[in-house]
C-alpha atoms as a PDB file:
ATOM      1  CA  MET A   1      -0.231  -0.115  -0.127  1.00  0.00           C
ATOM      2  CA  TRP A   2       3.001   2.324   0.973  1.00  0.00           C
ATOM      3  CA  LEU A   3       4.386   1.383  -2.194  1.00  0.00           C
ATOM      4  CA  TRP A   4       1.619   2.435  -4.228  1.00  0.00           C
ATOM      5  CA  THR A   5       1.080   5.510  -2.514  1.00  0.00           C
ATOM      6  CA  LYS A   6       4.566   6.497  -3.059  1.00  0.00           C
ATOM      7  CA  ARG A   7       4.526   5.946  -6.538  1.00  0.00           C
ATOM      8  CA  VAL A   8       1.182   8.119  -7.167  1.00  0.00           C
ATOM      9  CA  LEU A   9       2.744  10.930  -5.464  1.00  0.00           C
ATOM     10  CA  ILE A  10       5.934  10.597  -7.301  1.00  0.00           C
ATOM     11  CA  GLY A  11       3.726  10.568 -10.638  1.00  0.00           C
ATOM     12  CA  LEU A  12       1.631  13.584  -9.025  1.00  0.00           C
ATOM     13  CA  SER A  13       4.661  15.530  -8.382  1.00  0.00           C
ATOM     14  CA  SER A  14       6.238  14.997 -11.501  1.00  0.00           C
ATOM     15  CA  LEU A  15       2.852  15.759 -13.356  1.00  0.00           C
ATOM     16  CA  LEU A  16       2.944  19.287 -11.338  1.00  0.00           C
ATOM     17  CA  ILE A  17       6.450  19.876 -12.416  1.00  0.00           C
ATOM     18  CA  VAL A  18       5.568  19.489 -16.104  1.00  0.00           C
ATOM     19  CA  ALA A  19       2.613  21.557 -16.043  1.00  0.00           C
ATOM     20  CA  ALA A  20       4.953  24.298 -14.401  1.00  0.00           C
ATOM     21  CA  ILE A  21       7.496  24.306 -17.057  1.00  0.00           C
ATOM     22  CA  ALA A  22       5.006  23.937 -19.689  1.00  0.00           C
ATOM     23  CA  GLY A  23       3.324  27.180 -18.023  1.00  0.00           C
ATOM     24  CA  ALA A  24       6.294  29.224 -17.896  1.00  0.00           C
ATOM     25  CA  THR A  25       7.189  28.469 -21.254  1.00  0.00           C
ATOM     26  CA  TYR A  26       3.885  29.637 -22.428  1.00  0.00           C
ATOM     27  CA  GLN A  27       3.780  32.928 -20.276  1.00  0.00           C
ATOM     28  CA  TRP A  28       7.584  33.618 -21.380  1.00  0.00           C
ATOM     29  CA  ALA A  29       6.680  32.958 -25.228  1.00  0.00           C
ATOM     30  CA  ALA A  30       3.365  35.027 -25.189  1.00  0.00           C
ATOM     31  CA  THR A  31       4.838  38.024 -23.127  1.00  0.00           C
ATOM     32  CA  ARG A  32       7.491  38.069 -25.867  1.00  0.00           C
ATOM     33  CA  ARG A  33       5.028  37.838 -28.896  1.00  0.00           C
ATOM     34  CA  ASP A  34       2.815  40.743 -27.518  1.00  0.00           C
ATOM     35  CA  LEU A  35       6.033  42.634 -26.688  1.00  0.00           C
ATOM     36  CA  ALA A  36       7.614  42.016 -30.138  1.00  0.00           C
ATOM     37  CA  ALA A  37       4.398  42.735 -31.963  1.00  0.00           C
ATOM     38  CA  THR A  38       3.684  46.113 -30.220  1.00  0.00           C
ATOM     39  CA  PRO A  39       6.731  48.077 -29.177  1.00  0.00           C
ATOM     40  CA  PRO A  40       6.610  50.539 -26.722  1.00  0.00           C
ATOM     41  CA  PRO A  41       5.317  53.991 -27.880  1.00  0.00           C
ATOM     42  CA  GLY A  42       7.916  56.085 -25.837  1.00  0.00           C
ATOM     43  CA  ARG A  43      11.867  55.420 -25.043  1.00  0.00           C
ATOM     44  CA  LEU A  44      13.346  53.307 -21.815  1.00  0.00           C
ATOM     45  CA  VAL A  45      15.861  55.099 -19.890  1.00  0.00           C
ATOM     46  CA  ASP A  46      18.122  53.406 -17.395  1.00  0.00           C
ATOM     47  CA  VAL A  47      17.365  55.052 -13.920  1.00  0.00           C
ATOM     48  CA  GLY A  48      20.385  52.997 -12.169  1.00  0.00           C
ATOM     49  CA  GLY A  49      19.968  49.165 -13.093  1.00  0.00           C
ATOM     50  CA  HIS A  50      17.172  49.102 -14.838  1.00  0.00           C
ATOM     51  CA  ARG A  51      14.707  51.033 -17.491  1.00  0.00           C
ATOM     52  CA  LEU A  52      11.687  52.742 -17.050  1.00  0.00           C
ATOM     53  CA  HIS A  53       9.359  53.535 -20.082  1.00  0.00           C
ATOM     54  CA  ILE A  54       8.441  57.331 -20.635  1.00  0.00           C
ATOM     55  CA  TRP A  55       6.226  58.608 -23.323  1.00  0.00           C
ATOM     56  CA  CYS A  56       6.559  62.281 -23.802  1.00  0.00           C
ATOM     57  CA  THR A  57       4.322  64.677 -26.361  1.00  0.00           C
ATOM     58  CA  GLY A  58       3.561  68.107 -26.709  1.00  0.00           C
ATOM     59  CA  SER A  59       5.806  71.052 -26.030  1.00  0.00           C
ATOM     60  CA  GLY A  60       6.272  73.944 -23.285  1.00  0.00           C
ATOM     61  CA  THR A  61       6.635  74.451 -19.971  1.00  0.00           C
ATOM     62  CA  PRO A  62       6.031  73.555 -17.029  1.00  0.00           C
ATOM     63  CA  SER A  63       5.850  69.649 -18.534  1.00  0.00           C
ATOM     64  CA  VAL A  64       3.520  67.668 -16.701  1.00  0.00           C
ATOM     65  CA  ILE A  65       4.116  63.975 -15.011  1.00  0.00           C
ATOM     66  CA  LEU A  66       1.172  61.527 -14.951  1.00  0.00           C
ATOM     67  CA  GLU A  67       1.570  58.939 -12.530  1.00  0.00           C
ATOM     68  CA  THR A  68      -0.711  56.038 -12.635  1.00  0.00           C
ATOM     69  CA  GLY A  69      -2.854  53.962 -10.158  1.00  0.00           C
ATOM     70  CA  LEU A  70      -1.908  50.605  -8.798  1.00  0.00           C
ATOM     71  CA  GLY A  71      -1.314  47.794 -11.684  1.00  0.00           C
ATOM     72  CA  GLY A  72      -2.021  50.699 -14.292  1.00  0.00           C
ATOM     73  CA  SER A  73       0.422  51.669 -16.985  1.00  0.00           C
ATOM     74  CA  SER A  74       0.923  54.896 -19.166  1.00  0.00           C
ATOM     75  CA  ALA A  75      -1.714  53.738 -21.212  1.00  0.00           C
ATOM     76  CA  ASP A  76      -4.080  54.594 -19.204  1.00  0.00           C
ATOM     77  CA  TRP A  77      -4.051  58.030 -19.596  1.00  0.00           C
ATOM     78  CA  GLY A  78      -4.716  57.660 -23.205  1.00  0.00           C
ATOM     79  CA  PHE A  79      -7.741  59.825 -23.156  1.00  0.00           C
ATOM     80  CA  VAL A  80      -5.724  62.702 -20.922  1.00  0.00           C
ATOM     81  CA  GLN A  81      -2.708  63.023 -22.335  1.00  0.00           C
ATOM     82  CA  PRO A  82      -3.392  63.932 -26.177  1.00  0.00           C
ATOM     83  CA  GLU A  83      -5.637  67.090 -24.954  1.00  0.00           C
ATOM     84  CA  VAL A  84      -2.951  68.284 -22.198  1.00  0.00           C
ATOM     85  CA  ALA A  85      -0.328  67.815 -25.295  1.00  0.00           C
ATOM     86  CA  GLY A  86      -2.332  70.626 -26.687  1.00  0.00           C
ATOM     87  CA  PHE A  87      -1.031  72.950 -24.418  1.00  0.00           C
ATOM     88  CA  THR A  88       2.221  72.148 -23.218  1.00  0.00           C
ATOM     89  CA  ARG A  89       4.909  69.268 -22.552  1.00  0.00           C
ATOM     90  CA  VAL A  90       3.208  65.789 -20.765  1.00  0.00           C
ATOM     91  CA  CYS A  91       5.080  62.718 -20.009  1.00  0.00           C
ATOM     92  CA  SER A  92       3.406  59.360 -19.026  1.00  0.00           C
ATOM     93  CA  TYR A  93       5.564  56.473 -17.575  1.00  0.00           C
ATOM     94  CA  ASP A  94       5.682  53.003 -16.345  1.00  0.00           C
ATOM     95  CA  ARG A  95       6.793  52.263 -12.809  1.00  0.00           C
ATOM     96  CA  ALA A  96       9.355  49.619 -12.181  1.00  0.00           C
ATOM     97  CA  GLY A  97       7.723  46.016 -13.825  1.00  0.00           C
ATOM     98  CA  MET A  98       5.113  47.755 -15.208  1.00  0.00           C
ATOM     99  CA  GLY A  99       4.174  48.316 -18.468  1.00  0.00           C
ATOM    100  CA  TYR A 100       7.063  48.438 -20.533  1.00  0.00           C
ATOM    101  CA  SER A 101       9.223  49.269 -18.028  1.00  0.00           C
ATOM    102  CA  ASP A 102      11.836  46.576 -16.456  1.00  0.00           C
ATOM    103  CA  PRO A 103      11.515  45.367 -12.950  1.00  0.00           C
ATOM    104  CA  GLY A 104      12.812  47.271  -9.888  1.00  0.00           C
ATOM    105  CA  PRO A 105      14.274  46.352  -6.832  1.00  0.00           C
ATOM    106  CA  SER A 106      11.931  45.336  -4.360  1.00  0.00           C
ATOM    107  CA  PRO A 107      10.904  46.523  -1.869  1.00  0.00           C
ATOM    108  CA  ARG A 108       8.690  48.548  -4.246  1.00  0.00           C
ATOM    109  CA  THR A 109       7.429  51.587  -1.561  1.00  0.00           C
ATOM    110  CA  THR A 110       6.718  54.873  -2.706  1.00  0.00           C
ATOM    111  CA  ARG A 111       9.423  56.478  -1.278  1.00  0.00           C
ATOM    112  CA  ARG A 112      11.901  53.900  -3.654  1.00  0.00           C
ATOM    113  CA  ILE A 113       9.256  54.956  -6.443  1.00  0.00           C
ATOM    114  CA  ALA A 114       9.802  58.518  -6.194  1.00  0.00           C
ATOM    115  CA  HIS A 115      13.300  58.376  -5.614  1.00  0.00           C
ATOM    116  CA  GLU A 116      13.209  56.544  -9.097  1.00  0.00           C
ATOM    117  CA  LEU A 117      11.007  59.232 -10.558  1.00  0.00           C
ATOM    118  CA  ALA A 118      13.638  61.639  -9.993  1.00  0.00           C
ATOM    119  CA  GLN A 119      16.409  59.801 -11.790  1.00  0.00           C
ATOM    120  CA  LEU A 120      13.876  59.410 -15.048  1.00  0.00           C
ATOM    121  CA  LEU A 121      13.486  63.247 -15.349  1.00  0.00           C
ATOM    122  CA  ASP A 122      16.847  63.536 -14.631  1.00  0.00           C
ATOM    123  CA  ARG A 123      18.166  61.258 -17.234  1.00  0.00           C
ATOM    124  CA  GLY A 124      15.462  61.465 -19.679  1.00  0.00           C
ATOM    125  CA  GLY A 125      15.643  65.048 -20.273  1.00  0.00           C
ATOM    126  CA  VAL A 126      12.531  66.611 -18.342  1.00  0.00           C
ATOM    127  CA  SER A 127      14.156  69.567 -16.522  1.00  0.00           C
ATOM    128  CA  GLY A 128      12.704  72.626 -14.653  1.00  0.00           C
ATOM    129  CA  PRO A 129       9.837  72.000 -12.338  1.00  0.00           C
ATOM    130  CA  VAL A 130       6.827  69.997 -13.455  1.00  0.00           C
ATOM    131  CA  ILE A 131       3.447  69.690 -12.610  1.00  0.00           C
ATOM    132  CA  LEU A 132       2.967  66.136 -10.964  1.00  0.00           C
ATOM    133  CA  VAL A 133      -0.652  64.116 -11.532  1.00  0.00           C
ATOM    134  CA  GLY A 134      -1.194  61.532  -9.385  1.00  0.00           C
ATOM    135  CA  ALA A 135      -4.093  58.740  -9.854  1.00  0.00           C
ATOM    136  CA  SER A 136      -5.060  56.536  -7.150  1.00  0.00           C
ATOM    137  CA  ILE A 137      -1.741  55.548  -5.069  1.00  0.00           C
ATOM    138  CA  GLY A 138       0.251  57.330  -7.515  1.00  0.00           C
ATOM    139  CA  GLY A 139      -0.704  60.344  -5.644  1.00  0.00           C
ATOM    140  CA  TRP A 140       1.672  58.981  -3.027  1.00  0.00           C
ATOM    141  CA  THR A 141       4.352  59.161  -5.248  1.00  0.00           C
ATOM    142  CA  ALA A 142       3.540  62.688  -6.136  1.00  0.00           C
ATOM    143  CA  ARG A 143       3.432  63.633  -2.749  1.00  0.00           C
ATOM    144  CA  VAL A 144       6.540  62.115  -1.568  1.00  0.00           C
ATOM    145  CA  PHE A 145       8.591  63.758  -4.550  1.00  0.00           C
ATOM    146  CA  ALA A 146       7.213  67.132  -3.507  1.00  0.00           C
ATOM    147  CA  SER A 147       8.367  66.877  -0.241  1.00  0.00           C
ATOM    148  CA  ASP A 148      11.941  65.335  -1.188  1.00  0.00           C
ATOM    149  CA  HIS A 149      11.856  67.652  -4.348  1.00  0.00           C
ATOM    150  CA  ALA A 150      10.136  70.745  -3.602  1.00  0.00           C
ATOM    151  CA  GLU A 151      12.358  72.862  -5.880  1.00  0.00           C
ATOM    152  CA  ARG A 152      11.131  70.651  -8.800  1.00  0.00           C
ATOM    153  CA  VAL A 153       7.680  70.699  -8.392  1.00  0.00           C
ATOM    154  CA  ALA A 154       4.913  73.727  -9.308  1.00  0.00           C
ATOM    155  CA  GLY A 155       2.057  72.034  -8.780  1.00  0.00           C
ATOM    156  CA  HIS A 156      -0.112  68.979  -7.807  1.00  0.00           C
ATOM    157  CA  VAL A 157      -3.188  67.100  -9.807  1.00  0.00           C
ATOM    158  CA  LEU A 158      -4.413  64.471  -7.316  1.00  0.00           C
ATOM    159  CA  VAL A 159      -6.998  62.459  -9.243  1.00  0.00           C
ATOM    160  CA  ASP A 160      -8.946  60.798  -6.410  1.00  0.00           C
ATOM    161  CA  ALA A 161      -5.498  59.870  -4.422  1.00  0.00           C
ATOM    162  CA  SER A 162      -5.055  57.492  -2.036  1.00  0.00           C
ATOM    163  CA  HIS A 163      -4.747  58.847   1.668  1.00  0.00           C
ATOM    164  CA  GLU A 164      -2.030  57.621   4.315  1.00  0.00           C
ATOM    165  CA  ASP A 165      -4.820  57.187   6.715  1.00  0.00           C
ATOM    166  CA  GLN A 166      -7.197  54.926   4.468  1.00  0.00           C
ATOM    167  CA  LYS A 167      -7.967  51.023   5.606  1.00  0.00           C
ATOM    168  CA  GLU A 168      -5.612  49.054   3.293  1.00  0.00           C
ATOM    169  CA  ASP A 169      -6.323  45.124   2.982  1.00  0.00           C
ATOM    170  CA  VAL A 170      -4.249  42.738   1.338  1.00  0.00           C
ATOM    171  CA  PRO A 171      -5.788  40.294  -0.612  1.00  0.00           C
ATOM    172  CA  GLN A 172      -5.136  36.849   0.353  1.00  0.00           C
ATOM    173  CA  ILE A 173      -4.087  35.390  -3.036  1.00  0.00           C
ATOM    174  CA  ALA A 174      -1.484  37.964  -3.152  1.00  0.00           C
ATOM    175  CA  PRO A 175       1.054  35.932  -2.311  1.00  0.00           C
ATOM    176  CA  PHE A 176       0.329  33.407  -4.886  1.00  0.00           C
ATOM    177  CA  VAL A 177       0.436  36.068  -7.701  1.00  0.00           C
ATOM    178  CA  PRO A 178       4.098  35.667  -8.690  1.00  0.00           C
ATOM    179  CA  PHE A 179       4.073  32.003  -8.829  1.00  0.00           C
ATOM    180  CA  LEU A 180       0.432  32.237 -10.981  1.00  0.00           C
ATOM    181  CA  SER A 181       1.577  34.791 -12.810  1.00  0.00           C
ATOM    182  CA  SER A 182       5.003  33.287 -13.765  1.00  0.00           C
ATOM    183  CA  VAL A 183       3.156  29.905 -14.818  1.00  0.00           C
ATOM    184  CA  GLY A 184       0.431  31.729 -17.135  1.00  0.00           C
ATOM    185  CA  VAL A 185      -2.421  30.819 -15.267  1.00  0.00           C
ATOM    186  CA  LEU A 186      -3.325  34.361 -14.634  1.00  0.00           C
ATOM    187  CA  ARG A 187      -2.803  35.033 -18.531  1.00  0.00           C
ATOM    188  CA  LEU A 188      -5.147  31.980 -19.033  1.00  0.00           C
ATOM    189  CA  LEU A 189      -7.957  33.204 -16.634  1.00  0.00           C
ATOM    190  CA  GLY A 190      -7.555  36.807 -18.117  1.00  0.00           C
ATOM    191  CA  VAL A 191      -6.923  38.056 -14.497  1.00  0.00           C
ATOM    192  CA  SER A 192      -4.819  41.589 -14.289  1.00  0.00           C
ATOM    193  CA  PHE A 193      -4.417  44.461 -12.082  1.00  0.00           C
ATOM    194  CA  GLY A 194      -4.701  47.369 -14.472  1.00  0.00           C
ATOM    195  CA  LEU A 195      -8.101  48.871 -16.259  1.00  0.00           C
ATOM    196  CA  PRO A 196      -9.306  46.354 -18.870  1.00  0.00           C
ATOM    197  CA  PRO A 197      -7.890  47.536 -22.113  1.00  0.00           C
ATOM    198  CA  ALA A 198     -11.185  47.776 -23.629  1.00  0.00           C
ATOM    199  CA  SER A 199     -12.040  50.804 -21.380  1.00  0.00           C
ATOM    200  CA  LEU A 200      -8.824  52.443 -22.508  1.00  0.00           C
ATOM    201  CA  ALA A 201      -8.450  55.307 -25.487  1.00  0.00           C
ATOM    202  CA  PRO A 202      -8.848  53.334 -28.756  1.00  0.00           C
ATOM    203  CA  SER A 203      -5.603  54.545 -29.517  1.00  0.00           C
ATOM    204  CA  VAL A 204      -3.378  52.936 -26.679  1.00  0.00           C
ATOM    205  CA  ARG A 205      -5.447  49.808 -26.244  1.00  0.00           C
ATOM    206  CA  GLY A 206      -2.896  47.596 -27.991  1.00  0.00           C
ATOM    207  CA  PHE A 207      -0.214  48.878 -25.566  1.00  0.00           C
ATOM    208  CA  ALA A 208      -2.253  47.802 -22.876  1.00  0.00           C
ATOM    209  CA  ARG A 209      -3.265  44.673 -24.521  1.00  0.00           C
ATOM    210  CA  ALA A 210       0.751  43.797 -24.753  1.00  0.00           C
ATOM    211  CA  THR A 211       1.398  44.501 -21.517  1.00  0.00           C
ATOM    212  CA  ALA A 212      -1.516  43.517 -19.241  1.00  0.00           C
ATOM    213  CA  PHE A 213      -0.058  39.993 -18.584  1.00  0.00           C
ATOM    214  CA  ARG A 214       3.384  40.310 -18.009  1.00  0.00           C
ATOM    215  CA  ALA A 215       4.382  38.293 -15.156  1.00  0.00           C
ATOM    216  CA  ALA A 216       7.146  41.133 -14.097  1.00  0.00           C
ATOM    217  CA  GLY A 217       3.720  43.891 -14.026  1.00  0.00           C
ATOM    218  CA  GLN A 218       2.062  41.182 -12.059  1.00  0.00           C
ATOM    219  CA  ARG A 219       4.981  40.783  -9.572  1.00  0.00           C
ATOM    220  CA  ALA A 220       5.053  44.662  -9.206  1.00  0.00           C
ATOM    221  CA  ALA A 221       1.728  45.192  -8.203  1.00  0.00           C
ATOM    222  CA  VAL A 222       1.619  42.459  -5.344  1.00  0.00           C
ATOM    223  CA  ASP A 223       4.903  43.959  -4.352  1.00  0.00           C
ATOM    224  CA  GLU A 224       3.037  47.648  -3.869  1.00  0.00           C
ATOM    225  CA  ILE A 225       0.316  46.093  -2.225  1.00  0.00           C
ATOM    226  CA  MET A 226       2.331  44.033   0.198  1.00  0.00           C
ATOM    227  CA  HIS A 227       4.072  47.009   1.348  1.00  0.00           C
ATOM    228  CA  LEU A 228       1.258  49.423   1.276  1.00  0.00           C
ATOM    229  CA  GLN A 229       1.730  50.050   5.223  1.00  0.00           C
ATOM    230  CA  GLU A 230       5.103  50.865   4.902  1.00  0.00           C
ATOM    231  CA  SER A 231       4.238  53.449   1.683  1.00  0.00           C
ATOM    232  CA  ALA A 232       1.655  55.364   4.213  1.00  0.00           C
ATOM    233  CA  ALA A 233       4.123  55.550   6.780  1.00  0.00           C
ATOM    234  CA  GLU A 234       6.341  57.351   4.455  1.00  0.00           C
ATOM    235  CA  VAL A 235       3.621  59.657   2.910  1.00  0.00           C
ATOM    236  CA  ARG A 236       2.337  60.429   6.549  1.00  0.00           C
ATOM    237  CA  ALA A 237       5.925  61.120   7.918  1.00  0.00           C
ATOM    238  CA  THR A 238       6.687  63.576   4.734  1.00  0.00           C
ATOM    239  CA  ARG A 239       3.456  65.521   4.695  1.00  0.00           C
ATOM    240  CA  ARG A 240       4.063  69.229   5.111  1.00  0.00           C
ATOM    241  CA  LYS A 241       2.278  72.453   3.963  1.00  0.00           C
ATOM    242  CA  LEU A 242       3.019  73.301   0.507  1.00  0.00           C
ATOM    243  CA  THR A 243       2.694  76.187  -1.537  1.00  0.00           C
ATOM    244  CA  VAL A 244       2.195  75.033  -4.728  1.00  0.00           C
ATOM    245  CA  PRO A 245      -1.584  75.016  -6.018  1.00  0.00           C
ATOM    246  CA  VAL A 246      -2.745  71.615  -5.191  1.00  0.00           C
ATOM    247  CA  VAL A 247      -6.463  70.519  -7.064  1.00  0.00           C
ATOM    248  CA  VAL A 248      -7.846  67.404  -5.780  1.00  0.00           C
ATOM    249  CA  VAL A 249     -10.293  65.591  -8.288  1.00  0.00           C
ATOM    250  CA  THR A 250     -12.547  63.620  -6.570  1.00  0.00           C
ATOM    251  CA  ALA A 251     -14.956  60.776  -7.941  1.00  0.00           C
ATOM    252  CA  GLY A 252     -18.519  61.585  -7.129  1.00  0.00           C
ATOM    253  CA  ARG A 253     -19.690  57.996  -7.635  1.00  0.00           C
ATOM    254  CA  GLY A 254     -18.968  54.968  -5.478  1.00  0.00           C
ATOM    255  CA  ALA A 255     -17.038  56.540  -2.581  1.00  0.00           C
ATOM    256  CA  ASP A 256     -18.372  56.588   0.937  1.00  0.00           C
ATOM    257  CA  ALA A 257     -18.369  59.424   3.497  1.00  0.00           C
ATOM    258  CA  VAL A 258     -15.027  58.068   4.928  1.00  0.00           C
ATOM    259  CA  TRP A 259     -13.305  58.355   1.463  1.00  0.00           C
ATOM    260  CA  ARG A 260     -15.009  61.658   0.617  1.00  0.00           C
ATOM    261  CA  ASP A 261     -13.471  63.123   3.741  1.00  0.00           C
ATOM    262  CA  LEU A 262     -10.122  61.770   3.509  1.00  0.00           C
ATOM    263  CA  GLN A 263     -10.113  63.675   0.201  1.00  0.00           C
ATOM    264  CA  ARG A 264     -11.324  66.800   1.588  1.00  0.00           C
ATOM    265  CA  ASP A 265      -8.120  66.916   3.905  1.00  0.00           C
ATOM    266  CA  GLN A 266      -5.916  66.695   0.940  1.00  0.00           C
ATOM    267  CA  VAL A 267      -7.156  69.955  -0.002  1.00  0.00           C
ATOM    268  CA  GLY A 268      -5.605  71.188   3.088  1.00  0.00           C
ATOM    269  CA  LEU A 269      -1.903  69.912   2.001  1.00  0.00           C
ATOM    270  CA  SER A 270      -2.005  73.814   0.351  1.00  0.00           C
ATOM    271  CA  GLN A 271      -2.871  77.063   0.967  1.00  0.00           C
ATOM    272  CA  ARG A 272      -3.472  77.031  -2.476  1.00  0.00           C
ATOM    273  CA  GLY A 273      -5.384  73.726  -2.619  1.00  0.00           C
ATOM    274  CA  CYS A 274      -8.977  73.285  -3.819  1.00  0.00           C
ATOM    275  CA  GLN A 275     -11.323  70.306  -5.016  1.00  0.00           C
ATOM    276  CA  VAL A 276     -13.178  69.555  -8.129  1.00  0.00           C
ATOM    277  CA  ILE A 277     -15.862  66.728  -8.349  1.00  0.00           C
ATOM    278  CA  ALA A 278     -15.850  64.406 -11.175  1.00  0.00           C
ATOM    279  CA  ASP A 279     -19.884  63.640 -10.484  1.00  0.00           C
ATOM    280  CA  GLN A 280     -20.145  61.238 -13.610  1.00  0.00           C
ATOM    281  CA  SER A 281     -17.348  59.108 -12.956  1.00  0.00           C
ATOM    282  CA  GLY A 282     -16.015  56.079 -10.722  1.00  0.00           C
ATOM    283  CA  HIS A 283     -12.629  55.726  -9.180  1.00  0.00           C
ATOM    284  CA  ALA A 284     -10.724  56.229 -12.443  1.00  0.00           C
ATOM    285  CA  VAL A 285     -11.769  59.698 -13.402  1.00  0.00           C
ATOM    286  CA  ALA A 286      -8.820  59.784 -16.254  1.00  0.00           C
ATOM    287  CA  VAL A 287     -11.394  57.035 -18.239  1.00  0.00           C
ATOM    288  CA  GLY A 288     -14.431  57.717 -16.738  1.00  0.00           C
ATOM    289  CA  GLN A 289     -14.394  61.789 -16.982  1.00  0.00           C
ATOM    290  CA  PRO A 290     -11.172  62.936 -18.496  1.00  0.00           C
ATOM    291  CA  GLN A 291     -11.946  66.405 -19.216  1.00  0.00           C
ATOM    292  CA  VAL A 292     -12.053  66.705 -16.068  1.00  0.00           C
ATOM    293  CA  VAL A 293      -8.623  65.715 -15.490  1.00  0.00           C
ATOM    294  CA  VAL A 294      -7.803  67.606 -18.441  1.00  0.00           C
ATOM    295  CA  ASP A 295      -9.370  70.866 -16.819  1.00  0.00           C
ATOM    296  CA  ALA A 296      -7.353  70.807 -13.799  1.00  0.00           C
ATOM    297  CA  ILE A 297      -4.219  70.041 -15.386  1.00  0.00           C
ATOM    298  CA  ARG A 298      -4.577  73.085 -17.663  1.00  0.00           C
ATOM    299  CA  ALA A 299      -5.561  75.420 -14.551  1.00  0.00           C
ATOM    300  CA  THR A 300      -2.344  74.470 -12.837  1.00  0.00           C
ATOM    301  CA  VAL A 301      -0.524  75.102 -15.706  1.00  0.00           C
ATOM    302  CA  ASP A 302      -1.769  78.451 -16.229  1.00  0.00           C
ATOM    303  CA  ALA A 303      -1.126  79.129 -12.399  1.00  0.00           C
ATOM    304  CA  ALA A 304       2.684  78.128 -12.703  1.00  0.00           C
ATOM    305  CA  ARG A 305       3.043  80.056 -15.648  1.00  0.00           C
ATOM    306  CA  GLY A 306       1.982  83.226 -13.656  1.00  0.00           C
ATOM    307  CA  ARG A 307      -1.065  83.742 -15.213  1.00  0.00           C
ATOM    308  CA  ARG A 308      -3.739  86.135 -13.051  1.00  0.00           C
ATOM    309  CA  GLY A 309      -6.775  85.129 -12.043  1.00  0.00           C
ATOM    310  CA  VAL A 310      -7.066  81.563 -12.676  1.00  0.00           C
ATOM    311  CA  ALA A 311      -9.612  79.530 -10.688  1.00  0.00           C
ATOM    312  CA  LEU A 312      -7.821  76.576 -10.159  1.00  0.00           C
ATOM    313  CA  CYS A 313     -11.457  74.799  -9.347  1.00  0.00           C
ATOM    314  CA  GLY A 314     -13.824  77.174 -11.612  1.00  0.00           C
END
């Protein structure tokens, strides 16, 4: 009986190993095929051991930097970036592991991400004070960057941005995601952290599809999730009063009273803070009501240029 049981266990283990190898091969081949068929729209910049993808369009100063939410990519700004490019230079980018960017070192905390963004701007030729636009958890990057590099920031637009005091729950499946993504299970099931490509602007859907199931992106997203409390502590420790314009864009749909209070609290980050409600949009305002985001960016750019009588939230 024991001999028979031992043989069954060995057989099952062998099958699992073969399946894992086959899955990993499938994941590798599919990722390589997708990236080869749809190369990045921007360029890859070395930030010290790994490269980040940055995509800049338009011209003028100050430059606008678009920071996406958890699991997202530069494609998330497909409705916003072309409009902003009409009045100034605008750059979207992919955090390490996301989109077309190389994986970066762990832990993926907000302070590390903000440091890499500074390197990206330096080595990518984006000079002068910038307007930082942070969506969801990307708002943390914008805020820590401003605290560490105050002289480099001309304003903020926080798009339904995360707050350091919000409750953060780590999904139970999170620790298993690196393995499941590496062997192609998440790709087979169509599971990704980012926005559905079909919901994005038609011009960028191909880029989103090409990178949606990269194992590097799944691992990076989980790394950020596993270190949310550490990142929140970094944001909390660097909080200070700003003198630059801060426009808080808040989604009008799906938010509870606690979230609305946390959004209003971020208005107080600056003596020049104000709030706009995107009343027809859920959390992904850049997709649900992109014109609200574009208008907020335009007003912040005008204020940074010294234009008089600008109504930031008018």
